Amino acid sequence: MRKRSSLVEDHLQGGQRYEKKHGSGWDTCTMAVFCIVCLAVNIIVRSILASLLMAAFNLSLLAVGGMHLRRMIWRLLPVLLMGVVILALQALLRGSTPLFTIPIAGHDIVAYREGLKVGILILTRVLAGFSQILLFSQVVPVHEMLQSLRNIGVPAFVIHNALLVYRYIFLVGEEAERIHQAQKVRLGHATWLGRMRSLGAMLGILFIRLHERSSLIFEAFRVRGMPEMVLQRERKRFSWREARQATLLASAVVVFLAVGLVFNVGA
């Protein structure tokens, strides 16, 4: 039986797909700086066009990196739905210039021009910000991100604990999948009440088993004297490829900022 890919597996596969198609992929520090600066520009600049350009640029990088269109749409769908709800609320509750009126059951529902403009701005900002985070999570593998954090001086025990937590996610998923399959075989999900009972039993079993495994891991590290982190600090030279990547991303930031300043929505 084929298991459905989880969110964590998708994140792992995203970085592996990009490395397979484009060599070493993007430099972690360069991409991190780009994402932070773009998020700041997205918050500071009030421009619908700049946010749309940012989202289009991020999604194009994801498409070039090998992310399927269906998976991309599936990831963006909850964010788009939330943005549409915010857009509708802003259009109905904010502003003074009527745009259109819908009579329902003797009451007039009025949408305002100012609220619609603010709602579209919020929608594009949310889309741009989420696409930025999605780009970073798909393009940069977790081990490279942790290695970069170690290189800039983050203490070894912090990286060590982060790596353990990240690896523990897979253990939790596998354990939950085994328990779920065993409950389905025993018809534990035949009724709604049975599903609720099975869910409660699974959470209790998971808590006990994870506590036992964490105790074993702690005891193993205590016996070994808590060895130093496997990821050591590395001095990495800035290559020509990474310089071109930084130039491309810096140019994109300049374009976003220029478009945002020119086509500013205003207060």
Protein backbone atom coordinates (compact mmCIF):
# COMPACT_ATOMS: atom_id res chain seq x y z
CA MET A 1 0.00 0.00 0.00
CA ARG A 2 1.38 3.39 -1.01
CA LYS A 3 1.52 5.96 1.73
CA ARG A 4 0.54 9.56 1.14
CA SER A 5 3.49 11.96 1.26
CA SER A 6 3.49 14.11 4.37
CA LEU A 7 4.29 17.79 4.62
CA VAL A 8 7.74 17.08 6.04
CA GLU A 9 8.52 14.60 3.26
CA ASP A 10 7.42 17.19 0.69
CA HIS A 11 9.82 19.71 2.21
CA LEU A 12 12.65 17.21 2.05
CA GLN A 13 11.85 16.20 -1.51
CA GLY A 14 11.65 19.85 -2.55
CA GLY A 15 15.30 20.49 -1.76
CA GLN A 16 16.37 17.17 -3.27
CA ARG A 17 14.48 17.90 -6.51
CA TYR A 18 16.09 21.28 -6.80
CA GLU A 19 19.58 19.91 -6.15
CA LYS A 20 19.05 17.15 -8.70
CA LYS A 21 17.95 19.59 -11.37
CA HIS A 22 20.23 22.55 -10.62
CA GLY A 23 23.31 21.09 -8.94
CA SER A 24 23.86 22.47 -5.44
CA GLY A 25 20.78 24.71 -5.62
CA TRP A 26 20.64 28.10 -3.92
CA ASP A 27 23.06 29.21 -1.26
CA THR A 28 21.30 29.04 2.11
CA CYS A 29 22.50 32.39 3.47
CA THR A 30 21.73 34.17 0.20
CA MET A 31 18.22 32.75 0.05
CA ALA A 32 17.62 33.52 3.74
CA VAL A 33 18.64 37.16 3.31
CA PHE A 34 16.51 37.41 0.17
CA CYS A 35 13.42 36.03 1.94
CA ILE A 36 13.85 38.29 4.97
CA VAL A 37 14.32 41.41 2.84
CA CYS A 38 11.35 40.52 0.62
CA LEU A 39 9.12 39.96 3.64
CA ALA A 40 10.18 43.36 4.98
CA VAL A 41 9.46 45.02 1.61
CA ASN A 42 6.11 43.23 1.45
CA ILE A 43 5.14 44.62 4.87
CA ILE A 44 6.49 48.15 4.46
CA VAL A 45 5.47 48.92 0.86
CA ARG A 46 1.73 49.27 0.20
CA SER A 47 1.58 48.12 -3.42
CA ILE A 48 -0.67 45.51 -4.98
CA LEU A 49 1.51 45.24 -8.09
CA ALA A 50 4.73 44.77 -6.09
CA SER A 51 3.16 41.96 -4.03
CA LEU A 52 1.86 40.27 -7.19
CA LEU A 53 5.30 40.48 -8.82
CA MET A 54 6.91 39.04 -5.69
CA ALA A 55 4.46 36.13 -5.59
CA ALA A 56 4.92 35.47 -9.33
CA PHE A 57 8.71 35.50 -8.97
CA ASN A 58 8.64 33.09 -6.03
CA LEU A 59 6.23 30.70 -7.74
CA SER A 60 8.30 30.76 -10.93
CA LEU A 61 11.39 29.75 -8.93
CA LEU A 62 9.39 26.91 -7.38
CA ALA A 63 8.21 25.78 -10.82
CA VAL A 64 11.77 25.85 -12.19
CA GLY A 65 12.88 23.91 -9.12
CA GLY A 66 10.55 21.04 -10.02
CA MET A 67 7.48 21.65 -7.84
CA HIS A 68 4.37 20.35 -9.59
CA LEU A 69 1.60 22.82 -10.38
CA ARG A 70 -1.04 20.72 -8.62
CA ARG A 71 0.97 20.57 -5.40
CA MET A 72 1.66 24.30 -5.62
CA ILE A 73 -2.04 25.09 -6.00
CA TRP A 74 -2.90 22.72 -3.14
CA ARG A 75 -0.44 24.52 -0.86
CA LEU A 76 -1.73 27.97 -1.85
CA LEU A 77 -5.44 27.10 -1.66
CA PRO A 78 -5.93 27.59 2.13
CA VAL A 79 -4.08 30.91 2.00
CA LEU A 80 -6.15 32.08 -0.97
CA LEU A 81 -9.39 31.13 0.79
CA MET A 82 -8.35 33.04 3.89
CA GLY A 83 -7.40 36.03 1.74
CA VAL A 84 -10.74 35.98 -0.07
CA VAL A 85 -12.59 36.00 3.27
CA ILE A 86 -10.53 39.01 4.42
CA LEU A 87 -11.19 40.70 1.07
CA ALA A 88 -14.95 40.25 1.44
CA LEU A 89 -14.95 41.53 5.02
CA GLN A 90 -12.91 44.59 4.13
CA ALA A 91 -15.13 45.39 1.14
CA LEU A 92 -18.32 45.15 3.23
CA LEU A 93 -17.17 46.82 6.43
CA ARG A 94 -14.70 49.51 5.41
CA GLY A 95 -15.07 52.62 3.28
CA SER A 96 -17.58 55.31 2.36
CA THR A 97 -17.86 55.16 -1.46
CA PRO A 98 -20.43 52.53 -2.51
CA LEU A 99 -19.25 50.23 -5.28
CA PHE A 100 -22.32 48.00 -5.67
CA THR A 101 -25.38 46.99 -3.67
CA ILE A 102 -26.92 43.52 -3.32
CA PRO A 103 -30.49 43.36 -1.93
CA ILE A 104 -31.03 40.25 0.22
CA ALA A 105 -34.23 39.60 2.18
CA GLY A 106 -35.15 43.28 2.33
CA HIS A 107 -31.67 44.39 3.38
CA ASP A 108 -29.03 46.02 1.20
CA ILE A 109 -25.49 44.64 1.37
CA VAL A 110 -23.16 47.42 0.22
CA ALA A 111 -19.57 46.92 -0.92
CA TYR A 112 -17.28 49.94 -0.70
CA ARG A 113 -14.51 50.97 -3.07
CA GLU A 114 -11.96 51.78 -0.36
CA GLY A 115 -12.54 48.50 1.44
CA LEU A 116 -12.18 46.54 -1.79
CA LYS A 117 -8.82 48.19 -2.49
CA VAL A 118 -7.56 47.45 1.02
CA GLY A 119 -8.84 43.86 0.80
CA ILE A 120 -7.03 43.24 -2.49
CA LEU A 121 -3.86 44.68 -0.95
CA ILE A 122 -4.11 42.33 2.04
CA LEU A 123 -4.82 39.37 -0.24
CA THR A 124 -1.76 40.03 -2.41
CA ARG A 125 0.42 40.61 0.65
CA VAL A 126 -0.65 37.32 2.20
CA LEU A 127 -0.02 35.50 -1.08
CA ALA A 128 3.43 37.08 -1.50
CA GLY A 129 4.46 36.36 2.08
CA PHE A 130 3.33 32.75 2.02
CA SER A 131 5.01 32.14 -1.36
CA GLN A 132 8.22 33.55 0.12
CA ILE A 133 8.13 31.12 3.04
CA LEU A 134 7.17 28.26 0.73
CA LEU A 135 10.10 29.07 -1.55
CA PHE A 136 12.59 29.00 1.32
CA SER A 137 11.23 25.76 2.76
CA GLN A 138 11.29 23.99 -0.62
CA VAL A 139 14.59 25.27 -2.01
CA VAL A 140 16.76 25.07 1.13
CA PRO A 141 17.15 21.57 2.66
CA VAL A 142 17.00 21.34 6.43
CA HIS A 143 20.56 20.04 6.86
CA GLU A 144 21.96 22.98 4.85
CA MET A 145 19.95 25.45 6.91
CA LEU A 146 21.28 23.94 10.14
CA GLN A 147 24.81 23.93 8.75
CA SER A 148 24.51 27.63 7.89
CA LEU A 149 23.26 28.39 11.39
CA ARG A 150 26.26 26.51 12.79
CA ASN A 151 28.60 28.49 10.53
CA ILE A 152 27.36 31.85 11.81
CA GLY A 153 28.01 30.83 15.40
CA VAL A 154 24.79 29.28 16.74
CA PRO A 155 25.77 27.01 19.68
CA ALA A 156 26.20 23.33 18.90
CA PHE A 157 23.64 22.14 21.45
CA VAL A 158 20.93 24.30 19.80
CA ILE A 159 21.65 22.76 16.40
CA HIS A 160 21.84 19.33 18.00
CA ASN A 161 18.42 19.66 19.61
CA ALA A 162 16.90 21.08 16.42
CA LEU A 163 18.24 18.14 14.43
CA LEU A 164 16.87 15.66 16.97
CA VAL A 165 13.44 17.30 16.91
CA TYR A 166 13.41 17.28 13.12
CA ARG A 167 14.33 13.58 12.95
CA TYR A 168 11.77 12.81 15.66
CA ILE A 169 8.98 14.09 13.39
CA PHE A 170 9.46 11.08 11.13
CA LEU A 171 9.32 8.71 14.10
CA VAL A 172 6.04 10.25 15.23
CA GLY A 173 4.58 9.96 11.73
CA GLU A 174 5.61 6.34 11.29
CA GLU A 175 4.36 5.37 14.74
CA ALA A 176 1.02 7.11 14.18
CA GLU A 177 0.64 5.45 10.77
CA ARG A 178 1.22 1.96 12.24
CA ILE A 179 -1.29 2.56 15.04
CA HIS A 180 -3.84 3.96 12.59
CA GLN A 181 -3.55 0.96 10.26
CA ALA A 182 -3.90 -1.46 13.19
CA GLN A 183 -7.03 0.34 14.36
CA LYS A 184 -8.56 0.27 10.88
CA VAL A 185 -7.96 -3.48 10.61
CA ARG A 186 -9.78 -3.95 13.93
CA LEU A 187 -12.70 -1.79 12.63
CA GLY A 188 -11.88 0.98 15.08
CA HIS A 189 -12.96 3.57 12.50
CA ALA A 190 -16.28 1.98 11.49
CA THR A 191 -18.39 4.61 13.27
CA TRP A 192 -17.95 8.24 14.26
CA LEU A 193 -17.79 7.35 17.96
CA GLY A 194 -15.31 4.60 17.17
CA ARG A 195 -13.09 7.07 15.30
CA MET A 196 -13.09 9.44 18.26
CA ARG A 197 -12.19 6.62 20.65
CA SER A 198 -9.48 5.37 18.34
CA LEU A 199 -8.05 8.86 18.03
CA GLY A 200 -7.90 9.25 21.79
CA ALA A 201 -6.29 5.83 22.19
CA MET A 202 -3.74 6.61 19.48
CA LEU A 203 -2.74 9.89 21.13
CA GLY A 204 -2.31 8.14 24.47
CA ILE A 205 -0.19 5.35 22.97
CA LEU A 206 1.89 7.88 21.04
CA PHE A 207 2.57 9.89 24.20
CA ILE A 208 3.72 6.82 26.12
CA ARG A 209 5.93 5.47 23.32
CA LEU A 210 7.52 8.85 22.60
CA HIS A 211 8.24 9.34 26.29
CA GLU A 212 9.93 5.93 26.42
CA ARG A 213 12.04 6.66 23.32
CA SER A 214 13.03 10.10 24.58
CA SER A 215 14.16 8.53 27.86
CA LEU A 216 16.29 6.01 25.95
CA ILE A 217 17.85 8.77 23.83
CA PHE A 218 18.60 10.88 26.90
CA GLU A 219 20.20 7.91 28.65
CA ALA A 220 22.31 7.13 25.57
CA PHE A 221 23.60 10.70 25.40
CA ARG A 222 24.24 10.78 29.14
CA VAL A 223 26.34 7.60 28.96
CA ARG A 224 28.35 9.03 26.06
CA GLY A 225 28.85 12.35 27.79
CA MET A 226 26.72 14.33 25.30
CA PRO A 227 29.21 14.41 22.40
CA GLU A 228 29.79 17.51 20.31
CA MET A 229 27.49 18.26 17.41
CA VAL A 230 28.19 16.34 14.22
CA LEU A 231 27.80 19.50 12.12
CA GLN A 232 31.04 21.42 12.57
CA ARG A 233 31.68 25.00 11.55
CA GLU A 234 32.88 25.35 7.98
CA ARG A 235 34.51 28.23 6.16
CA LYS A 236 32.90 28.43 2.77
CA ARG A 237 34.15 30.64 -0.04
CA PHE A 238 31.66 32.64 -2.08
CA SER A 239 31.68 31.03 -5.54
CA TRP A 240 30.91 32.60 -8.90
CA ARG A 241 27.63 30.68 -9.05
CA GLU A 242 26.54 32.05 -5.71
CA ALA A 243 27.54 35.56 -6.78
CA ARG A 244 25.25 35.28 -9.81
CA GLN A 245 22.46 34.02 -7.59
CA ALA A 246 22.93 36.94 -5.21
CA THR A 247 22.92 39.38 -8.14
CA LEU A 248 19.66 37.92 -9.49
CA LEU A 249 17.92 38.03 -6.13
CA ALA A 250 19.20 41.52 -5.35
CA SER A 251 17.93 42.74 -8.72
CA ALA A 252 14.53 41.22 -7.97
CA VAL A 253 14.41 43.03 -4.60
CA VAL A 254 15.27 46.34 -6.30
CA VAL A 255 12.48 45.79 -8.84
CA PHE A 256 9.97 44.96 -6.10
CA LEU A 257 10.94 48.05 -4.12
CA ALA A 258 10.86 50.35 -7.17
CA VAL A 259 7.47 49.08 -8.31
CA GLY A 260 6.15 49.39 -4.76
CA LEU A 261 7.27 52.99 -4.46
CA VAL A 262 5.89 53.98 -7.88
CA PHE A 263 2.55 52.14 -7.61
CA ASN A 264 1.88 52.81 -3.94
CA VAL A 265 -1.72 52.34 -2.82
CA GLY A 266 -1.39 54.98 -0.13
CA ALA A 267 -3.11 55.26 3.20
